[in-house]
N, C-alpha and C. Protein backbone atom coordinates (compact mmCIF):
# COMPACT_ATOMS: atom_id res chain seq x y z
N UNK A 1 -30.94 19.81 150.67
CA UNK A 1 -30.00 21.01 150.57
C UNK A 1 -29.93 21.08 149.01
N UNK A 2 -30.01 22.35 148.47
CA UNK A 2 -30.01 22.73 147.03
C UNK A 2 -28.46 22.74 146.53
N UNK A 3 -28.43 22.36 145.32
CA UNK A 3 -27.12 22.45 144.81
C UNK A 3 -26.96 23.92 144.25
N UNK A 4 -25.87 24.48 144.42
CA UNK A 4 -25.15 26.00 143.82
C UNK A 4 -25.54 25.82 142.34
N UNK A 5 -25.81 26.91 141.77
CA UNK A 5 -26.08 27.03 140.36
C UNK A 5 -24.60 26.93 139.71
N UNK A 6 -24.57 26.32 138.51
CA UNK A 6 -23.37 26.07 137.88
C UNK A 6 -22.87 27.51 137.33
N UNK A 7 -21.75 28.08 137.75
CA UNK A 7 -21.32 29.37 137.17
C UNK A 7 -21.08 29.32 135.80
N UNK A 8 -21.10 28.34 135.05
CA UNK A 8 -20.68 28.11 133.65
C UNK A 8 -21.94 28.00 132.85
N UNK A 9 -23.00 28.25 133.37
CA UNK A 9 -24.36 28.15 132.69
C UNK A 9 -24.89 29.33 132.44
N UNK A 10 -25.29 29.87 131.28
CA UNK A 10 -25.82 31.40 131.16
C UNK A 10 -27.31 31.14 131.34
N UNK A 11 -27.81 32.42 131.74
CA UNK A 11 -29.24 32.36 132.01
C UNK A 11 -29.82 33.32 131.00
N UNK A 12 -28.94 34.37 130.52
CA UNK A 12 -29.28 35.31 129.22
C UNK A 12 -28.22 35.64 128.57
N UNK A 13 -28.39 35.66 127.30
CA UNK A 13 -27.28 35.76 126.34
C UNK A 13 -27.89 36.95 125.37
N UNK A 14 -27.24 37.92 125.36
CA UNK A 14 -27.78 39.22 124.37
C UNK A 14 -26.75 39.65 123.44
N UNK A 15 -26.91 39.62 122.14
CA UNK A 15 -26.05 40.18 121.20
C UNK A 15 -26.39 41.68 120.91
N UNK A 16 -25.52 42.60 121.39
CA UNK A 16 -25.63 43.85 121.14
C UNK A 16 -24.83 44.37 120.05
N UNK A 17 -25.34 44.25 118.72
CA UNK A 17 -24.80 44.72 117.54
C UNK A 17 -24.25 46.10 117.57
N UNK A 18 -24.89 46.93 117.80
CA UNK A 18 -24.72 48.38 117.97
C UNK A 18 -23.46 48.59 118.80
N UNK A 19 -23.52 48.05 120.03
CA UNK A 19 -22.28 48.14 120.90
C UNK A 19 -21.16 47.31 120.64
N UNK A 20 -21.33 46.37 119.56
CA UNK A 20 -20.26 45.34 119.30
C UNK A 20 -19.87 44.45 120.68
N UNK A 21 -20.93 44.08 121.25
CA UNK A 21 -20.64 43.14 122.36
C UNK A 21 -21.72 42.06 122.34
N UNK A 22 -21.38 41.09 123.19
CA UNK A 22 -22.19 40.05 123.63
C UNK A 22 -22.28 39.97 125.10
N UNK A 23 -23.49 40.24 125.66
CA UNK A 23 -23.65 40.36 127.16
C UNK A 23 -24.35 38.96 127.66
N UNK A 24 -23.56 38.42 128.80
CA UNK A 24 -24.06 37.02 129.21
C UNK A 24 -24.36 37.36 130.81
N UNK A 25 -25.47 36.68 131.10
CA UNK A 25 -25.59 36.60 132.70
C UNK A 25 -25.61 35.30 133.04
N UNK A 26 -24.74 34.96 134.00
CA UNK A 26 -24.59 33.58 134.35
C UNK A 26 -25.42 33.17 135.49
N UNK A 27 -25.41 31.96 135.66
CA UNK A 27 -26.50 31.26 136.70
C UNK A 27 -26.20 31.77 138.04
N UNK A 28 -25.02 32.07 138.51
CA UNK A 28 -24.49 32.48 139.80
C UNK A 28 -24.79 34.18 139.79
N UNK A 29 -25.27 34.92 138.72
CA UNK A 29 -25.58 36.07 138.86
C UNK A 29 -24.73 37.09 138.34
N UNK A 30 -23.34 36.38 137.88
CA UNK A 30 -22.46 37.41 137.36
C UNK A 30 -22.69 37.87 135.99
N UNK A 31 -22.29 38.94 135.52
CA UNK A 31 -22.57 39.48 134.27
C UNK A 31 -21.20 39.70 133.60
N UNK A 32 -21.39 39.33 132.38
CA UNK A 32 -20.06 39.64 131.60
C UNK A 32 -20.33 40.36 130.24
N UNK A 33 -19.49 41.09 129.70
CA UNK A 33 -19.71 41.70 128.59
C UNK A 33 -18.53 41.66 127.73
N UNK A 34 -18.67 40.91 126.52
CA UNK A 34 -17.55 40.61 125.55
C UNK A 34 -17.44 41.27 124.46
N UNK A 35 -16.50 42.21 124.18
CA UNK A 35 -16.33 42.94 122.90
C UNK A 35 -16.22 41.65 121.69
N UNK A 36 -16.88 41.96 120.77
CA UNK A 36 -16.66 41.17 119.56
C UNK A 36 -15.26 40.79 119.12
N UNK A 37 -14.36 41.63 119.11
CA UNK A 37 -13.08 41.56 118.71
C UNK A 37 -12.31 40.65 119.91
N UNK A 38 -12.63 40.68 120.97
CA UNK A 38 -12.11 39.59 122.05
C UNK A 38 -12.63 38.28 121.64
N UNK A 39 -14.00 38.16 121.40
CA UNK A 39 -14.37 36.83 121.08
C UNK A 39 -13.63 36.19 119.75
N UNK A 40 -13.44 37.00 118.76
CA UNK A 40 -12.85 36.54 117.63
C UNK A 40 -11.49 36.17 117.90
N UNK A 41 -10.59 36.98 118.70
CA UNK A 41 -9.12 36.52 118.95
C UNK A 41 -9.19 35.22 119.65
N UNK A 42 -10.37 34.91 120.42
CA UNK A 42 -10.36 33.70 121.31
C UNK A 42 -11.10 32.47 120.48
N UNK A 43 -11.17 32.75 119.35
CA UNK A 43 -11.86 31.57 118.46
C UNK A 43 -11.09 30.33 118.69
N UNK A 44 -11.75 29.25 119.10
CA UNK A 44 -11.11 27.94 119.35
C UNK A 44 -10.82 27.00 118.25
N UNK A 45 -11.30 27.46 117.06
CA UNK A 45 -11.30 26.44 115.87
C UNK A 45 -9.97 26.24 115.37
N UNK A 46 -9.75 25.11 114.72
CA UNK A 46 -8.39 24.58 114.29
C UNK A 46 -7.82 25.56 113.48
N UNK A 47 -8.62 26.17 112.26
CA UNK A 47 -8.08 27.23 111.57
C UNK A 47 -7.57 28.43 112.22
N UNK A 48 -8.32 28.91 113.25
CA UNK A 48 -7.81 30.02 114.00
C UNK A 48 -6.71 29.76 114.91
N UNK A 49 -6.83 28.75 115.78
CA UNK A 49 -5.97 28.30 116.68
C UNK A 49 -4.67 27.51 116.52
N UNK A 50 -4.85 26.73 115.34
CA UNK A 50 -3.85 25.90 114.92
C UNK A 50 -4.16 24.37 115.28
N UNK A 51 -3.56 23.42 114.52
CA UNK A 51 -3.58 22.08 115.09
C UNK A 51 -2.41 21.16 114.68
N UNK A 52 -2.09 20.03 115.21
CA UNK A 52 -0.94 19.22 114.94
C UNK A 52 0.35 19.84 114.69
N UNK A 53 0.40 20.90 115.64
CA UNK A 53 1.84 21.60 115.75
C UNK A 53 1.99 22.53 115.02
N UNK A 54 1.03 23.08 114.04
CA UNK A 54 0.94 24.21 113.17
C UNK A 54 0.14 25.20 113.80
N UNK A 55 0.76 26.45 113.65
CA UNK A 55 -0.13 27.52 114.24
C UNK A 55 -1.27 27.91 113.21
N UNK A 56 -2.32 28.38 113.95
CA UNK A 56 -3.44 28.90 113.28
C UNK A 56 -3.25 30.30 112.67
N UNK A 57 -4.14 30.85 111.99
CA UNK A 57 -4.14 32.16 111.42
C UNK A 57 -4.00 33.32 112.36
N UNK A 58 -4.55 33.12 113.44
CA UNK A 58 -4.54 34.13 114.71
C UNK A 58 -3.01 34.26 114.96
N UNK A 59 -2.23 33.21 114.94
CA UNK A 59 -0.89 33.36 115.53
C UNK A 59 -0.18 33.90 114.54
N UNK A 60 -0.48 34.25 113.28
CA UNK A 60 0.25 34.84 112.28
C UNK A 60 -0.14 36.37 111.72
N UNK A 61 -0.90 36.90 112.78
CA UNK A 61 -1.43 38.29 112.55
C UNK A 61 -1.52 39.21 113.85
N UNK A 62 -1.53 40.38 113.58
CA UNK A 62 -1.62 41.28 114.82
C UNK A 62 -2.86 42.03 114.82
N UNK A 63 -3.47 41.94 113.55
CA UNK A 63 -4.57 42.93 113.54
C UNK A 63 -5.92 42.07 112.85
N UNK A 64 -6.93 42.30 113.01
CA UNK A 64 -8.06 41.79 112.22
C UNK A 64 -8.85 42.79 111.45
N UNK A 65 -9.43 42.14 110.35
CA UNK A 65 -10.20 43.14 109.33
C UNK A 65 -11.63 43.50 110.21
N UNK A 66 -12.29 44.46 109.68
CA UNK A 66 -13.52 44.89 110.34
C UNK A 66 -14.41 43.73 109.98
N UNK A 67 -14.53 42.91 108.81
CA UNK A 67 -15.42 41.70 108.83
C UNK A 67 -15.10 40.65 109.82
N UNK A 68 -13.82 40.55 109.98
CA UNK A 68 -13.42 39.44 110.91
C UNK A 68 -13.81 39.74 112.37
N UNK A 69 -14.12 41.14 112.51
CA UNK A 69 -14.52 41.59 113.99
C UNK A 69 -16.13 41.92 113.92
N UNK A 70 -16.90 41.59 113.01
CA UNK A 70 -18.24 41.81 113.02
C UNK A 70 -18.86 40.51 113.15
N UNK A 71 -19.70 40.42 114.47
CA UNK A 71 -20.40 39.24 114.53
C UNK A 71 -21.85 39.29 113.96
N UNK A 72 -22.22 38.60 113.14
CA UNK A 72 -23.76 38.73 112.58
C UNK A 72 -24.67 37.65 113.20
N UNK A 73 -24.17 36.71 113.80
CA UNK A 73 -25.18 35.83 114.27
C UNK A 73 -24.64 34.92 115.38
N UNK A 74 -25.23 34.38 116.25
CA UNK A 74 -24.77 33.72 117.41
C UNK A 74 -25.84 32.54 117.82
N UNK A 75 -25.38 31.31 117.88
CA UNK A 75 -26.28 30.20 117.98
C UNK A 75 -25.83 29.49 118.96
N UNK A 76 -26.83 28.91 119.85
CA UNK A 76 -26.47 27.85 120.98
C UNK A 76 -26.04 26.59 120.24
N UNK A 77 -25.07 25.93 120.89
CA UNK A 77 -24.92 24.65 120.32
C UNK A 77 -25.23 23.69 121.63
N UNK A 78 -26.24 23.01 121.41
CA UNK A 78 -26.68 22.25 122.68
C UNK A 78 -26.97 23.06 123.86
N UNK A 79 -26.47 22.65 124.96
CA UNK A 79 -26.73 23.35 126.27
C UNK A 79 -25.45 23.50 126.86
N UNK A 80 -24.39 23.69 125.77
CA UNK A 80 -23.02 23.77 126.32
C UNK A 80 -22.10 24.73 125.72
N UNK A 81 -22.68 25.39 124.61
CA UNK A 81 -21.62 26.12 123.84
C UNK A 81 -22.41 27.22 122.91
N UNK A 82 -21.63 28.35 122.49
CA UNK A 82 -22.15 29.04 121.43
C UNK A 82 -21.26 29.04 120.19
N UNK A 83 -21.79 29.38 119.02
CA UNK A 83 -21.33 29.29 117.68
C UNK A 83 -21.55 30.52 116.86
N UNK A 84 -20.55 31.63 117.12
CA UNK A 84 -20.68 32.67 116.21
C UNK A 84 -20.62 32.72 114.70
N UNK A 85 -21.08 33.38 113.93
CA UNK A 85 -20.87 33.61 112.57
C UNK A 85 -20.55 34.84 112.31
N UNK A 86 -19.31 35.31 111.77
CA UNK A 86 -18.76 36.33 111.56
C UNK A 86 -19.06 36.91 110.14
N UNK A 87 -18.99 38.30 110.06
CA UNK A 87 -19.24 38.85 108.41
C UNK A 87 -18.25 38.46 107.33
N UNK A 88 -17.16 37.84 107.83
CA UNK A 88 -16.09 37.23 106.92
C UNK A 88 -16.64 35.79 106.43
N UNK A 89 -17.62 35.45 106.86
CA UNK A 89 -18.10 34.06 106.74
C UNK A 89 -17.69 32.91 107.57
N UNK A 90 -16.80 33.27 108.60
CA UNK A 90 -16.24 32.21 109.48
C UNK A 90 -17.26 31.88 110.48
N UNK A 91 -17.42 30.48 110.66
CA UNK A 91 -18.47 30.18 111.48
C UNK A 91 -18.04 28.66 112.06
N UNK A 92 -16.85 28.22 112.22
CA UNK A 92 -16.35 26.93 112.80
C UNK A 92 -16.25 26.96 114.27
N UNK A 93 -15.72 28.16 114.87
CA UNK A 93 -15.52 28.27 116.11
C UNK A 93 -16.72 27.65 117.04
N UNK A 94 -16.55 26.73 117.98
CA UNK A 94 -17.51 26.58 119.01
C UNK A 94 -17.00 26.59 120.24
N UNK A 95 -17.53 27.85 120.96
CA UNK A 95 -17.00 28.15 122.17
C UNK A 95 -17.81 27.71 123.49
N UNK A 96 -17.15 26.69 124.14
CA UNK A 96 -17.93 26.18 125.38
C UNK A 96 -18.26 27.23 126.29
N UNK A 97 -19.44 27.16 126.84
CA UNK A 97 -19.70 28.11 128.09
C UNK A 97 -18.53 28.31 128.93
N UNK A 98 -17.95 27.11 129.46
CA UNK A 98 -16.81 27.07 130.24
C UNK A 98 -15.69 27.88 129.79
N UNK A 99 -15.24 27.82 128.48
CA UNK A 99 -14.16 28.63 127.89
C UNK A 99 -14.64 30.09 127.83
N UNK A 100 -15.91 30.49 127.61
CA UNK A 100 -16.21 31.95 127.52
C UNK A 100 -16.17 32.42 128.88
N UNK A 101 -16.82 31.94 129.93
CA UNK A 101 -16.62 32.42 131.27
C UNK A 101 -15.19 32.53 131.51
N UNK A 102 -14.36 31.71 131.24
CA UNK A 102 -12.85 31.84 131.66
C UNK A 102 -12.27 33.00 131.08
N UNK A 103 -12.75 33.57 130.00
CA UNK A 103 -12.09 34.63 129.43
C UNK A 103 -12.90 35.99 129.82
N UNK A 104 -13.96 36.05 130.80
CA UNK A 104 -14.61 37.22 131.27
C UNK A 104 -13.74 38.49 131.42
N UNK A 105 -13.98 39.53 130.68
CA UNK A 105 -13.14 40.50 130.83
C UNK A 105 -13.40 41.60 131.86
N UNK A 106 -14.15 41.30 132.68
CA UNK A 106 -14.45 42.20 133.93
C UNK A 106 -13.35 42.20 134.79
N UNK A 107 -13.17 43.37 135.42
CA UNK A 107 -11.91 43.53 136.33
C UNK A 107 -11.89 42.39 137.49
N UNK A 108 -12.84 42.15 138.06
CA UNK A 108 -12.88 40.88 138.97
C UNK A 108 -12.30 39.63 138.48
N UNK A 109 -12.83 39.32 137.47
CA UNK A 109 -12.27 38.05 136.57
C UNK A 109 -10.98 38.30 136.20
N UNK A 110 -10.48 39.15 135.61
CA UNK A 110 -9.27 39.43 134.98
C UNK A 110 -8.17 39.36 136.17
N UNK A 111 -8.52 39.91 137.52
CA UNK A 111 -7.62 39.87 138.58
C UNK A 111 -7.44 38.38 139.11
N UNK A 112 -8.54 37.47 139.04
CA UNK A 112 -8.45 36.21 139.47
C UNK A 112 -7.63 35.23 138.59
N UNK A 113 -7.13 35.65 137.22
CA UNK A 113 -6.53 34.76 136.42
C UNK A 113 -5.07 34.87 136.65
N UNK A 114 -4.44 33.84 136.62
CA UNK A 114 -2.92 33.95 136.62
C UNK A 114 -2.30 35.09 135.75
N UNK A 115 -1.48 35.88 136.35
CA UNK A 115 -0.88 36.98 135.65
C UNK A 115 -1.88 38.23 135.61
N UNK A 116 -3.03 38.12 136.36
CA UNK A 116 -3.98 39.17 136.42
C UNK A 116 -3.77 40.04 137.53
């Protein structure tokens, strides 16, 4: 018996700079399209998210600059994560595939999340 594909494993990742999206096809066939702005708001690094009980910079703002929303490069980190580099120079966020899949903005995934 074959094992089912890991739904958190991407089979294709396409940076669409003109559309300001990252498109990911997952091993289970699901396709996700992430706007750059959504990915920046989801940055998991300590600077953005906070640490040791202190809020990060994203907790203290309601808007992002154009440079903060412009993805200029996207690198794989091993076989488990993505590391974007933003136009403002920020590049410390490492987004696990599991975390990226969990924030898929498609209607089907949004409905399946708590409060969706």
